[in-house]
PDB file of all heavy atoms in Angstrom:
ATOM      1  N   ALA A   1     -88.485  -4.895  84.481  1.00  0.00           N
ATOM      2  CA  ALA A   1     -87.833  -4.257  85.635  1.00  0.00           C
ATOM      3  C   ALA A   1     -88.844  -3.969  86.740  1.00  0.00           C
ATOM      4  O   ALA A   1     -88.574  -4.213  87.927  1.00  0.00           O
ATOM      5  CB  ALA A   1     -87.129  -2.976  85.202  1.00  0.00           C
ATOM      6  N   ILE A   2     -90.006  -3.471  86.365  1.00  0.00           N
ATOM      7  CA  ILE A   2     -91.039  -3.198  87.368  1.00  0.00           C
ATOM      8  C   ILE A   2     -91.525  -4.506  87.992  1.00  0.00           C
ATOM      9  O   ILE A   2     -91.718  -4.588  89.210  1.00  0.00           O
ATOM     10  CB  ILE A   2     -92.198  -2.395  86.747  1.00  0.00           C
ATOM     11  CG1 ILE A   2     -91.715  -0.975  86.429  1.00  0.00           C
ATOM     12  CG2 ILE A   2     -93.404  -2.353  87.678  1.00  0.00           C
ATOM     13  CD1 ILE A   2     -92.705  -0.146  85.656  1.00  0.00           C
ATOM     14  N   ALA A   3     -91.711  -5.533  87.177  1.00  0.00           N
ATOM     15  CA  ALA A   3     -92.119  -6.838  87.710  1.00  0.00           C
ATOM     16  C   ALA A   3     -91.070  -7.384  88.677  1.00  0.00           C
ATOM     17  O   ALA A   3     -91.409  -7.936  89.726  1.00  0.00           O
ATOM     18  CB  ALA A   3     -92.367  -7.823  86.568  1.00  0.00           C
ATOM     19  N   MET A   4     -89.803  -7.213  88.327  1.00  0.00           N
ATOM     20  CA  MET A   4     -88.719  -7.686  89.194  1.00  0.00           C
ATOM     21  C   MET A   4     -88.731  -6.939  90.532  1.00  0.00           C
ATOM     22  O   MET A   4     -88.565  -7.550  91.597  1.00  0.00           O
ATOM     23  CB  MET A   4     -87.373  -7.494  88.502  1.00  0.00           C
ATOM     24  CG  MET A   4     -86.202  -8.030  89.285  1.00  0.00           C
ATOM     25  SD  MET A   4     -84.630  -7.873  88.418  1.00  0.00           S
ATOM     26  CE  MET A   4     -84.474  -6.107  88.267  1.00  0.00           C
ATOM     27  N   ALA A   5     -88.938  -5.626  90.483  1.00  0.00           N
ATOM     28  CA  ALA A   5     -89.005  -4.850  91.720  1.00  0.00           C
ATOM     29  C   ALA A   5     -90.192  -5.301  92.565  1.00  0.00           C
ATOM     30  O   ALA A   5     -90.078  -5.456  93.789  1.00  0.00           O
ATOM     31  CB  ALA A   5     -89.101  -3.362  91.401  1.00  0.00           C
ATOM     32  N   SER A   6     -91.321  -5.550  91.919  1.00  0.00           N
ATOM     33  CA  SER A   6     -92.504  -6.023  92.636  1.00  0.00           C
ATOM     34  C   SER A   6     -92.246  -7.376  93.285  1.00  0.00           C
ATOM     35  O   SER A   6     -92.634  -7.613  94.431  1.00  0.00           O
ATOM     36  CB  SER A   6     -93.678  -6.105  91.662  1.00  0.00           C
ATOM     37  OG  SER A   6     -94.801  -6.673  92.279  1.00  0.00           O
ATOM     38  N   GLN A   7     -91.578  -8.271  92.561  1.00  0.00           N
ATOM     39  CA  GLN A   7     -91.243  -9.585  93.121  1.00  0.00           C
ATOM     40  C   GLN A   7     -90.357  -9.440  94.348  1.00  0.00           C
ATOM     41  O   GLN A   7     -90.566 -10.118  95.361  1.00  0.00           O
ATOM     42  CB  GLN A   7     -90.511 -10.435  92.082  1.00  0.00           C
ATOM     43  CG  GLN A   7     -91.377 -10.921  90.957  1.00  0.00           C
ATOM     44  CD  GLN A   7     -90.566 -11.681  89.907  1.00  0.00           C
ATOM     45  OE1 GLN A   7     -89.418 -12.033  90.126  1.00  0.00           O
ATOM     46  NE2 GLN A   7     -91.179 -11.913  88.772  1.00  0.00           N
ATOM     47  N   LEU A   8     -89.367  -8.568  94.256  1.00  0.00           N
ATOM     48  CA  LEU A   8     -88.447  -8.392  95.375  1.00  0.00           C
ATOM     49  C   LEU A   8     -89.156  -7.799  96.588  1.00  0.00           C
ATOM     50  O   LEU A   8     -88.953  -8.256  97.720  1.00  0.00           O
ATOM     51  CB  LEU A   8     -87.274  -7.504  94.946  1.00  0.00           C
ATOM     52  CG  LEU A   8     -86.168  -7.326  95.966  1.00  0.00           C
ATOM     53  CD1 LEU A   8     -85.559  -8.668  96.361  1.00  0.00           C
ATOM     54  CD2 LEU A   8     -85.087  -6.416  95.418  1.00  0.00           C
ATOM     55  N   ILE A   9     -89.995  -6.801  96.357  1.00  0.00           N
ATOM     56  CA  ILE A   9     -90.735  -6.184  97.467  1.00  0.00           C
ATOM     57  C   ILE A   9     -91.637  -7.213  98.139  1.00  0.00           C
ATOM     58  O   ILE A   9     -91.652  -7.334  99.367  1.00  0.00           O
ATOM     59  CB  ILE A   9     -91.553  -4.974  96.968  1.00  0.00           C
ATOM     60  CG1 ILE A   9     -90.618  -3.828  96.574  1.00  0.00           C
ATOM     61  CG2 ILE A   9     -92.553  -4.515  98.024  1.00  0.00           C
ATOM     62  CD1 ILE A   9     -91.294  -2.731  95.764  1.00  0.00           C
ATOM     63  N   CYS A  10     -92.389  -7.971  97.344  1.00  0.00           N
ATOM     64  CA  CYS A  10     -93.294  -8.976  97.910  1.00  0.00           C
ATOM     65  C   CYS A  10     -92.525 -10.085  98.621  1.00  0.00           C
ATOM     66  O   CYS A  10     -92.919 -10.511  99.708  1.00  0.00           O
ATOM     67  CB  CYS A  10     -94.190  -9.549  96.817  1.00  0.00           C
ATOM     68  SG  CYS A  10     -95.416  -8.373  96.222  1.00  0.00           S
ATOM     69  N   ALA A  11     -91.434 -10.542  98.027  1.00  0.00           N
ATOM     70  CA  ALA A  11     -90.635 -11.596  98.666  1.00  0.00           C
ATOM     71  C   ALA A  11     -90.075 -11.112 100.005  1.00  0.00           C
ATOM     72  O   ALA A  11     -90.099 -11.854 101.000  1.00  0.00           O
ATOM     73  CB  ALA A  11     -89.507 -12.036  97.745  1.00  0.00           C
ATOM     74  N   LEU A  12     -89.599  -9.882 100.045  1.00  0.00           N
ATOM     75  CA  LEU A  12     -89.068  -9.324 101.293  1.00  0.00           C
ATOM     76  C   LEU A  12     -90.169  -9.227 102.343  1.00  0.00           C
ATOM     77  O   LEU A  12     -89.975  -9.586 103.508  1.00  0.00           O
ATOM     78  CB  LEU A  12     -88.442  -7.950 101.029  1.00  0.00           C
ATOM     79  CG  LEU A  12     -87.889  -7.208 102.243  1.00  0.00           C
ATOM     80  CD1 LEU A  12     -86.782  -8.012 102.919  1.00  0.00           C
ATOM     81  CD2 LEU A  12     -87.380  -5.831 101.844  1.00  0.00           C
ATOM     82  N   TRP A  13     -91.323  -8.764 101.925  1.00  0.00           N
ATOM     83  CA  TRP A  13     -92.467  -8.620 102.831  1.00  0.00           C
ATOM     84  C   TRP A  13     -92.881  -9.985 103.375  1.00  0.00           C
ATOM     85  O   TRP A  13     -93.046 -10.174 104.578  1.00  0.00           O
ATOM     86  CB  TRP A  13     -93.583  -7.948 102.061  1.00  0.00           C
ATOM     87  CG  TRP A  13     -94.861  -7.673 102.807  1.00  0.00           C
ATOM     88  CD1 TRP A  13     -95.061  -7.671 104.172  1.00  0.00           C
ATOM     89  CD2 TRP A  13     -96.121  -7.354 102.236  1.00  0.00           C
ATOM     90  NE1 TRP A  13     -96.360  -7.365 104.458  1.00  0.00           N
ATOM     91  CE2 TRP A  13     -97.038  -7.168 103.300  1.00  0.00           C
ATOM     92  CE3 TRP A  13     -96.575  -7.209 100.935  1.00  0.00           C
ATOM     93  CZ2 TRP A  13     -98.376  -6.839 103.089  1.00  0.00           C
ATOM     94  CZ3 TRP A  13     -97.907  -6.871 100.739  1.00  0.00           C
ATOM     95  CH2 TRP A  13     -98.781  -6.686 101.800  1.00  0.00           C
ATOM     96  N   TRP A  14     -93.043 -10.975 102.475  1.00  0.00           N
ATOM     97  CA  TRP A  14     -93.495 -12.298 102.907  1.00  0.00           C
ATOM     98  C   TRP A  14     -92.441 -13.015 103.729  1.00  0.00           C
ATOM     99  O   TRP A  14     -92.774 -13.712 104.689  1.00  0.00           O
ATOM    100  CB  TRP A  14     -93.914 -13.129 101.705  1.00  0.00           C
ATOM    101  CG  TRP A  14     -95.089 -12.529 100.977  1.00  0.00           C
ATOM    102  CD1 TRP A  14     -96.112 -11.796 101.527  1.00  0.00           C
ATOM    103  CD2 TRP A  14     -95.345 -12.573  99.586  1.00  0.00           C
ATOM    104  NE1 TRP A  14     -96.988 -11.390 100.557  1.00  0.00           N
ATOM    105  CE2 TRP A  14     -96.545 -11.851  99.343  1.00  0.00           C
ATOM    106  CE3 TRP A  14     -94.697 -13.144  98.509  1.00  0.00           C
ATOM    107  CZ2 TRP A  14     -97.087 -11.707  98.087  1.00  0.00           C
ATOM    108  CZ3 TRP A  14     -95.253 -12.999  97.245  1.00  0.00           C
ATOM    109  CH2 TRP A  14     -96.437 -12.289  97.045  1.00  0.00           C
ATOM    110  N   ASP A  15     -91.165 -12.868 103.375  1.00  0.00           N
ATOM    111  CA  ASP A  15     -90.090 -13.447 104.195  1.00  0.00           C
ATOM    112  C   ASP A  15     -90.086 -12.834 105.590  1.00  0.00           C
ATOM    113  O   ASP A  15     -89.965 -13.537 106.594  1.00  0.00           O
ATOM    114  CB  ASP A  15     -88.717 -13.203 103.564  1.00  0.00           C
ATOM    115  CG  ASP A  15     -88.294 -14.296 102.596  1.00  0.00           C
ATOM    116  OD1 ASP A  15     -88.972 -15.339 102.545  1.00  0.00           O
ATOM    117  OD2 ASP A  15     -87.289 -14.094 101.904  1.00  0.00           O
ATOM    118  N   SER A  16     -90.199 -11.519 105.637  1.00  0.00           N
ATOM    119  CA  SER A  16     -90.152 -10.819 106.930  1.00  0.00           C
ATOM    120  C   SER A  16     -91.336 -11.184 107.813  1.00  0.00           C
ATOM    121  O   SER A  16     -91.217 -11.223 109.038  1.00  0.00           O
ATOM    122  CB  SER A  16     -90.122  -9.304 106.714  1.00  0.00           C
ATOM    123  OG  SER A  16     -88.944  -8.934 106.024  1.00  0.00           O
ATOM    124  N   ALA A  17     -92.491 -11.429 107.199  1.00  0.00           N
ATOM    125  CA  ALA A  17     -93.682 -11.789 107.962  1.00  0.00           C
ATOM    126  C   ALA A  17     -93.777 -13.292 108.223  1.00  0.00           C
ATOM    127  O   ALA A  17     -94.540 -13.723 109.088  1.00  0.00           O
ATOM    128  CB  ALA A  17     -94.934 -11.323 107.218  1.00  0.00           C
ATOM    129  N   GLY A  18     -93.005 -14.085 107.478  1.00  0.00           N
ATOM    130  CA  GLY A  18     -93.074 -15.535 107.629  1.00  0.00           C
ATOM    131  C   GLY A  18     -94.372 -16.120 107.084  1.00  0.00           C
ATOM    132  O   GLY A  18     -94.847 -17.145 107.560  1.00  0.00           O
ATOM    133  N   TRP A  19     -94.956 -15.489 106.075  1.00  0.00           N
ATOM    134  CA  TRP A  19     -96.222 -15.943 105.499  1.00  0.00           C
ATOM    135  C   TRP A  19     -96.018 -17.160 104.606  1.00  0.00           C
ATOM    136  O   TRP A  19     -94.925 -17.435 104.129  1.00  0.00           O
ATOM    137  CB  TRP A  19     -96.862 -14.835 104.694  1.00  0.00           C
ATOM    138  CG  TRP A  19     -97.375 -13.690 105.519  1.00  0.00           C
ATOM    139  CD1 TRP A  19     -97.422 -13.605 106.884  1.00  0.00           C
ATOM    140  CD2 TRP A  19     -97.904 -12.463 105.031  1.00  0.00           C
ATOM    141  NE1 TRP A  19     -97.935 -12.399 107.264  1.00  0.00           N
ATOM    142  CE2 TRP A  19     -98.248 -11.677 106.149  1.00  0.00           C
ATOM    143  CE3 TRP A  19     -98.112 -11.946 103.773  1.00  0.00           C
ATOM    144  CZ2 TRP A  19     -98.796 -10.406 106.030  1.00  0.00           C
ATOM    145  CZ3 TRP A  19     -98.658 -10.682 103.657  1.00  0.00           C
ATOM    146  CH2 TRP A  19     -99.001  -9.935 104.774  1.00  0.00           C
ATOM    147  N   PHE A  20     -97.115 -17.842 104.338  1.00  0.00           N
ATOM    148  CA  PHE A  20     -97.169 -18.980 103.420  1.00  0.00           C
ATOM    149  C   PHE A  20     -96.229 -20.110 103.849  1.00  0.00           C
ATOM    150  O   PHE A  20     -95.716 -20.844 103.018  1.00  0.00           O
ATOM    151  CB  PHE A  20     -96.856 -18.559 101.977  1.00  0.00           C
ATOM    152  CG  PHE A  20     -97.718 -17.442 101.479  1.00  0.00           C
ATOM    153  CD1 PHE A  20     -97.170 -16.234 101.119  1.00  0.00           C
ATOM    154  CD2 PHE A  20     -99.091 -17.613 101.367  1.00  0.00           C
ATOM    155  CE1 PHE A  20     -97.963 -15.195 100.662  1.00  0.00           C
ATOM    156  CE2 PHE A  20     -99.895 -16.566 100.916  1.00  0.00           C
ATOM    157  CZ  PHE A  20     -99.337 -15.366 100.554  1.00  0.00           C
ATOM    158  N   GLY A  21     -96.001 -20.227 105.131  1.00  0.00           N
ATOM    159  CA  GLY A  21     -95.151 -21.295 105.629  1.00  0.00           C
ATOM    160  C   GLY A  21     -93.666 -21.053 105.460  1.00  0.00           C
ATOM    161  O   GLY A  21     -92.868 -21.964 105.656  1.00  0.00           O
ATOM    162  N   LEU A  22     -93.288 -19.831 105.091  1.00  0.00           N
ATOM    163  CA  LEU A  22     -91.870 -19.504 104.933  1.00  0.00           C
ATOM    164  C   LEU A  22     -91.227 -19.290 106.295  1.00  0.00           C
ATOM    165  O   LEU A  22     -91.877 -18.856 107.247  1.00  0.00           O
ATOM    166  CB  LEU A  22     -91.691 -18.227 104.098  1.00  0.00           C
ATOM    167  CG  LEU A  22     -92.192 -18.281 102.666  1.00  0.00           C
ATOM    168  CD1 LEU A  22     -92.125 -16.905 102.035  1.00  0.00           C
ATOM    169  CD2 LEU A  22     -91.362 -19.265 101.853  1.00  0.00           C
ATOM    170  N   GLU A  23     -89.956 -19.577 106.372  1.00  0.00           N
ATOM    171  CA  GLU A  23     -89.218 -19.287 107.591  1.00  0.00           C
ATOM    172  C   GLU A  23     -89.097 -17.774 107.713  1.00  0.00           C
ATOM    173  O   GLU A  23     -88.724 -17.086 106.753  1.00  0.00           O
ATOM    174  CB  GLU A  23     -87.819 -19.904 107.510  1.00  0.00           C
ATOM    175  CG  GLU A  23     -86.983 -19.667 108.745  1.00  0.00           C
ATOM    176  CD  GLU A  23     -85.585 -20.269 108.620  1.00  0.00           C
ATOM    177  OE1 GLU A  23     -85.419 -21.216 107.836  1.00  0.00           O
ATOM    178  OE2 GLU A  23     -84.688 -19.762 109.308  1.00  0.00           O
ATOM    179  N   GLN A  24     -89.448 -17.234 108.876  1.00  0.00           N
ATOM    180  CA  GLN A  24     -89.423 -15.789 109.060  1.00  0.00           C
ATOM    181  C   GLN A  24     -87.983 -15.286 109.082  1.00  0.00           C
ATOM    182  O   GLN A  24     -87.145 -15.783 109.829  1.00  0.00           O
ATOM    183  CB  GLN A  24     -90.132 -15.381 110.349  1.00  0.00           C
ATOM    184  CG  GLN A  24     -90.326 -13.894 110.463  1.00  0.00           C
ATOM    185  CD  GLN A  24     -91.247 -13.518 111.625  1.00  0.00           C
ATOM    186  OE1 GLN A  24     -91.639 -14.377 112.420  1.00  0.00           O
ATOM    187  NE2 GLN A  24     -91.585 -12.260 111.728  1.00  0.00           N
ATOM    188  N   VAL A  25     -87.704 -14.326 108.201  1.00  0.00           N
ATOM    189  CA  VAL A  25     -86.382 -13.714 108.097  1.00  0.00           C
ATOM    190  C   VAL A  25     -86.533 -12.258 108.521  1.00  0.00           C
ATOM    191  O   VAL A  25     -87.326 -11.526 107.929  1.00  0.00           O
ATOM    192  CB  VAL A  25     -85.844 -13.804 106.649  1.00  0.00           C
ATOM    193  CG1 VAL A  25     -84.502 -13.131 106.528  1.00  0.00           C
ATOM    194  CG2 VAL A  25     -85.776 -15.251 106.193  1.00  0.00           C
ATOM    195  N   PRO A  26     -85.801 -11.828 109.541  1.00  0.00           N
ATOM    196  CA  PRO A  26     -85.985 -10.455 110.027  1.00  0.00           C
ATOM    197  C   PRO A  26     -85.692  -9.403 108.950  1.00  0.00           C
ATOM    198  O   PRO A  26     -84.755  -9.536 108.167  1.00  0.00           O
ATOM    199  CB  PRO A  26     -84.968 -10.337 111.170  1.00  0.00           C
ATOM    200  CG  PRO A  26     -84.560 -11.725 111.504  1.00  0.00           C
ATOM    201  CD  PRO A  26     -84.790 -12.558 110.284  1.00  0.00           C
ATOM    202  N   PHE A  27     -86.546  -8.382 108.916  1.00  0.00           N
ATOM    203  CA  PHE A  27     -86.328  -7.246 108.026  1.00  0.00           C
ATOM    204  C   PHE A  27     -85.178  -6.418 108.585  1.00  0.00           C
ATOM    205  O   PHE A  27     -85.096  -6.194 109.780  1.00  0.00           O
ATOM    206  CB  PHE A  27     -87.598  -6.385 107.949  1.00  0.00           C
ATOM    207  CG  PHE A  27     -87.433  -5.181 107.080  1.00  0.00           C
ATOM    208  CD1 PHE A  27     -87.612  -5.285 105.710  1.00  0.00           C
ATOM    209  CD2 PHE A  27     -87.094  -3.955 107.617  1.00  0.00           C
ATOM    210  CE1 PHE A  27     -87.461  -4.176 104.887  1.00  0.00           C
ATOM    211  CE2 PHE A  27     -86.935  -2.847 106.807  1.00  0.00           C
ATOM    212  CZ  PHE A  27     -87.118  -2.952 105.441  1.00  0.00           C
ATOM    213  N   THR A  28     -84.263  -5.994 107.726  1.00  0.00           N
ATOM    214  CA  THR A  28     -83.150  -5.145 108.154  1.00  0.00           C
ATOM    215  C   THR A  28     -83.114  -3.891 107.299  1.00  0.00           C
ATOM    216  O   THR A  28     -83.671  -3.851 106.189  1.00  0.00           O
ATOM    217  CB  THR A  28     -81.800  -5.876 108.007  1.00  0.00           C
ATOM    218  OG1 THR A  28     -81.563  -6.151 106.618  1.00  0.00           O
ATOM    219  CG2 THR A  28     -81.756  -7.167 108.809  1.00  0.00           C
ATOM    220  N   LEU A  29     -82.457  -2.874 107.805  1.00  0.00           N
ATOM    221  CA  LEU A  29     -82.292  -1.636 107.055  1.00  0.00           C
ATOM    222  C   LEU A  29     -81.558  -1.905 105.744  1.00  0.00           C
ATOM    223  O   LEU A  29     -81.902  -1.342 104.700  1.00  0.00           O
ATOM    224  CB  LEU A  29     -81.515  -0.615 107.902  1.00  0.00           C
ATOM    225  CG  LEU A  29     -81.251   0.741 107.253  1.00  0.00           C
ATOM    226  CD1 LEU A  29     -82.558   1.444 106.905  1.00  0.00           C
ATOM    227  CD2 LEU A  29     -80.396   1.610 108.152  1.00  0.00           C
ATOM    228  N   GLN A  30     -80.578  -2.778 105.776  1.00  0.00           N
ATOM    229  CA  GLN A  30     -79.813  -3.121 104.572  1.00  0.00           C
ATOM    230  C   GLN A  30     -80.730  -3.693 103.482  1.00  0.00           C
ATOM    231  O   GLN A  30     -80.610  -3.331 102.310  1.00  0.00           O
ATOM    232  CB  GLN A  30     -78.712  -4.105 104.934  1.00  0.00           C
ATOM    233  CG  GLN A  30     -77.812  -4.477 103.779  1.00  0.00           C
ATOM    234  CD  GLN A  30     -76.725  -5.459 104.202  1.00  0.00           C
ATOM    235  OE1 GLN A  30     -76.761  -6.030 105.284  1.00  0.00           O
ATOM    236  NE2 GLN A  30     -75.754  -5.664 103.338  1.00  0.00           N
ATOM    237  N   LYS A  31     -81.653  -4.570 103.861  1.00  0.00           N
ATOM    238  CA  LYS A  31     -82.578  -5.146 102.887  1.00  0.00           C
ATOM    239  C   LYS A  31     -83.509  -4.066 102.335  1.00  0.00           C
ATOM    240  O   LYS A  31     -83.785  -4.029 101.134  1.00  0.00           O
ATOM    241  CB  LYS A  31     -83.380  -6.279 103.521  1.00  0.00           C
ATOM    242  CG  LYS A  31     -82.539  -7.500 103.827  1.00  0.00           C
ATOM    243  CD  LYS A  31     -83.349  -8.554 104.546  1.00  0.00           C
ATOM    244  CE  LYS A  31     -82.451  -9.706 104.954  1.00  0.00           C
ATOM    245  NZ  LYS A  31     -83.128 -10.686 105.779  1.00  0.00           N
ATOM    246  N   GLY A  32     -84.000  -3.214 103.207  1.00  0.00           N
ATOM    247  CA  GLY A  32     -84.863  -2.116 102.767  1.00  0.00           C
ATOM    248  C   GLY A  32     -84.150  -1.175 101.818  1.00  0.00           C
ATOM    249  O   GLY A  32     -84.716  -0.750 100.799  1.00  0.00           O
ATOM    250  N   LEU A  33     -82.905  -0.859 102.111  1.00  0.00           N
ATOM    251  CA  LEU A  33     -82.121   0.014 101.225  1.00  0.00           C
ATOM    252  C   LEU A  33     -81.851  -0.658  99.888  1.00  0.00           C
ATOM    253  O   LEU A  33     -81.832   0.000  98.840  1.00  0.00           O
ATOM    254  CB  LEU A  33     -80.800   0.411 101.897  1.00  0.00           C
ATOM    255  CG  LEU A  33     -80.922   1.383 103.079  1.00  0.00           C
ATOM    256  CD1 LEU A  33     -79.550   1.577 103.744  1.00  0.00           C
ATOM    257  CD2 LEU A  33     -81.508   2.711 102.642  1.00  0.00           C
ATOM    258  N   GLY A  34     -81.646  -1.969  99.895  1.00  0.00           N
ATOM    259  CA  GLY A  34     -81.444  -2.704  98.642  1.00  0.00           C
ATOM    260  C   GLY A  34     -82.665  -2.602  97.739  1.00  0.00           C
ATOM    261  O   GLY A  34     -82.541  -2.371  96.532  1.00  0.00           O
ATOM    262  N   VAL A  35     -83.843  -2.756  98.307  1.00  0.00           N
ATOM    263  CA  VAL A  35     -85.076  -2.627  97.527  1.00  0.00           C
ATOM    264  C   VAL A  35     -85.220  -1.197  97.012  1.00  0.00           C
ATOM    265  O   VAL A  35     -85.564  -0.973  95.843  1.00  0.00           O
ATOM    266  CB  VAL A  35     -86.301  -3.040  98.374  1.00  0.00           C
ATOM    267  CG1 VAL A  35     -87.602  -2.685  97.670  1.00  0.00           C
ATOM    268  CG2 VAL A  35     -86.261  -4.528  98.675  1.00  0.00           C
ATOM    269  N   LEU A  36     -84.948  -0.217  97.860  1.00  0.00           N
ATOM    270  CA  LEU A  36     -85.036   1.184  97.423  1.00  0.00           C
ATOM    271  C   LEU A  36     -84.027   1.494  96.323  1.00  0.00           C
ATOM    272  O   LEU A  36     -84.330   2.249  95.393  1.00  0.00           O
ATOM    273  CB  LEU A  36     -84.833   2.122  98.616  1.00  0.00           C
ATOM    274  CG  LEU A  36     -85.976   2.157  99.628  1.00  0.00           C
ATOM    275  CD1 LEU A  36     -85.605   3.049 100.815  1.00  0.00           C
ATOM    276  CD2 LEU A  36     -87.262   2.634  98.977  1.00  0.00           C
ATOM    277  N   ALA A  37     -82.838   0.901  96.407  1.00  0.00           N
ATOM    278  CA  ALA A  37     -81.832   1.104  95.352  1.00  0.00           C
ATOM    279  C   ALA A  37     -82.321   0.539  94.024  1.00  0.00           C
ATOM    280  O   ALA A  37     -82.142   1.153  92.969  1.00  0.00           O
ATOM    281  CB  ALA A  37     -80.503   0.465  95.754  1.00  0.00           C
ATOM    282  N   LEU A  38     -82.953  -0.622  94.068  1.00  0.00           N
ATOM    283  CA  LEU A  38     -83.492  -1.219  92.848  1.00  0.00           C
ATOM    284  C   LEU A  38     -84.578  -0.323  92.253  1.00  0.00           C
ATOM    285  O   LEU A  38     -84.584  -0.052  91.048  1.00  0.00           O
ATOM    286  CB  LEU A  38     -84.051  -2.615  93.141  1.00  0.00           C
ATOM    287  CG  LEU A  38     -84.695  -3.327  91.957  1.00  0.00           C
ATOM    288  CD1 LEU A  38     -83.659  -3.627  90.880  1.00  0.00           C
ATOM    289  CD2 LEU A  38     -85.366  -4.596  92.394  1.00  0.00           C
ATOM    290  N   ILE A  39     -85.493   0.143  93.084  1.00  0.00           N
ATOM    291  CA  ILE A  39     -86.555   1.032  92.601  1.00  0.00           C
ATOM    292  C   ILE A  39     -85.957   2.324  92.060  1.00  0.00           C
ATOM    293  O   ILE A  39     -86.369   2.815  91.005  1.00  0.00           O
ATOM    294  CB  ILE A  39     -87.575   1.309  93.728  1.00  0.00           C
ATOM    295  CG1 ILE A  39     -88.314   0.009  94.067  1.00  0.00           C
ATOM    296  CG2 ILE A  39     -88.557   2.405  93.325  1.00  0.00           C
ATOM    297  CD1 ILE A  39     -89.140   0.077  95.323  1.00  0.00           C
ATOM    298  N   GLY A  40     -84.953   2.861  92.755  1.00  0.00           N
ATOM    299  CA  GLY A  40     -84.271   4.061  92.266  1.00  0.00           C
ATOM    300  C   GLY A  40     -83.624   3.817  90.916  1.00  0.00           C
ATOM    301  O   GLY A  40     -83.674   4.684  90.028  1.00  0.00           O
ATOM    302  N   GLY A  41     -83.049   2.647  90.722  1.00  0.00           N
ATOM    303  CA  GLY A  41     -82.441   2.314  89.435  1.00  0.00           C
ATOM    304  C   GLY A  41     -83.467   2.275  88.317  1.00  0.00           C
ATOM    305  O   GLY A  41     -83.210   2.734  87.202  1.00  0.00           O
ATOM    306  N   ILE A  42     -84.650   1.763  88.605  1.00  0.00           N
ATOM    307  CA  ILE A  42     -85.713   1.729  87.595  1.00  0.00           C
ATOM    308  C   ILE A  42     -86.141   3.146  87.233  1.00  0.00           C
ATOM    309  O   ILE A  42     -86.331   3.473  86.058  1.00  0.00           O
ATOM    310  CB  ILE A  42     -86.912   0.897  88.103  1.00  0.00           C
ATOM    311  CG1 ILE A  42     -86.508  -0.568  88.220  1.00  0.00           C
ATOM    312  CG2 ILE A  42     -88.122   1.065  87.187  1.00  0.00           C
ATOM    313  CD1 ILE A  42     -87.519  -1.428  88.946  1.00  0.00           C
ATOM    314  N   ILE A  43     -86.249   4.003  88.236  1.00  0.00           N
ATOM    315  CA  ILE A  43     -86.630   5.399  87.979  1.00  0.00           C
ATOM    316  C   ILE A  43     -85.569   6.097  87.145  1.00  0.00           C
ATOM    317  O   ILE A  43     -85.876   6.782  86.167  1.00  0.00           O
ATOM    318  CB  ILE A  43     -86.890   6.142  89.308  1.00  0.00           C
ATOM    319  CG1 ILE A  43     -88.151   5.566  89.973  1.00  0.00           C
ATOM    320  CG2 ILE A  43     -87.017   7.648  89.093  1.00  0.00           C
ATOM    321  CD1 ILE A  43     -88.357   6.009  91.399  1.00  0.00           C
ATOM    322  N   VAL A  44     -84.298   5.910  87.508  1.00  0.00           N
ATOM    323  CA  VAL A  44     -83.203   6.513  86.735  1.00  0.00           C
ATOM    324  C   VAL A  44     -83.214   5.969  85.307  1.00  0.00           C
ATOM    325  O   VAL A  44     -83.043   6.719  84.344  1.00  0.00           O
ATOM    326  CB  VAL A  44     -81.839   6.244  87.414  1.00  0.00           C
ATOM    327  CG1 VAL A  44     -80.687   6.578  86.503  1.00  0.00           C
ATOM    328  CG2 VAL A  44     -81.745   7.021  88.714  1.00  0.00           C
TER     329      VAL A  44
END
């Protein structure tokens, strides 16, 4: 679960920045809340 959360956070960060030749995908509040919900689920 922690590895999955880490993957999602890094993927969101790299997508939003357009790193490693990825197409840049704008960061949105909805995406940020989705990541926080996942982390909250792991804590719960």
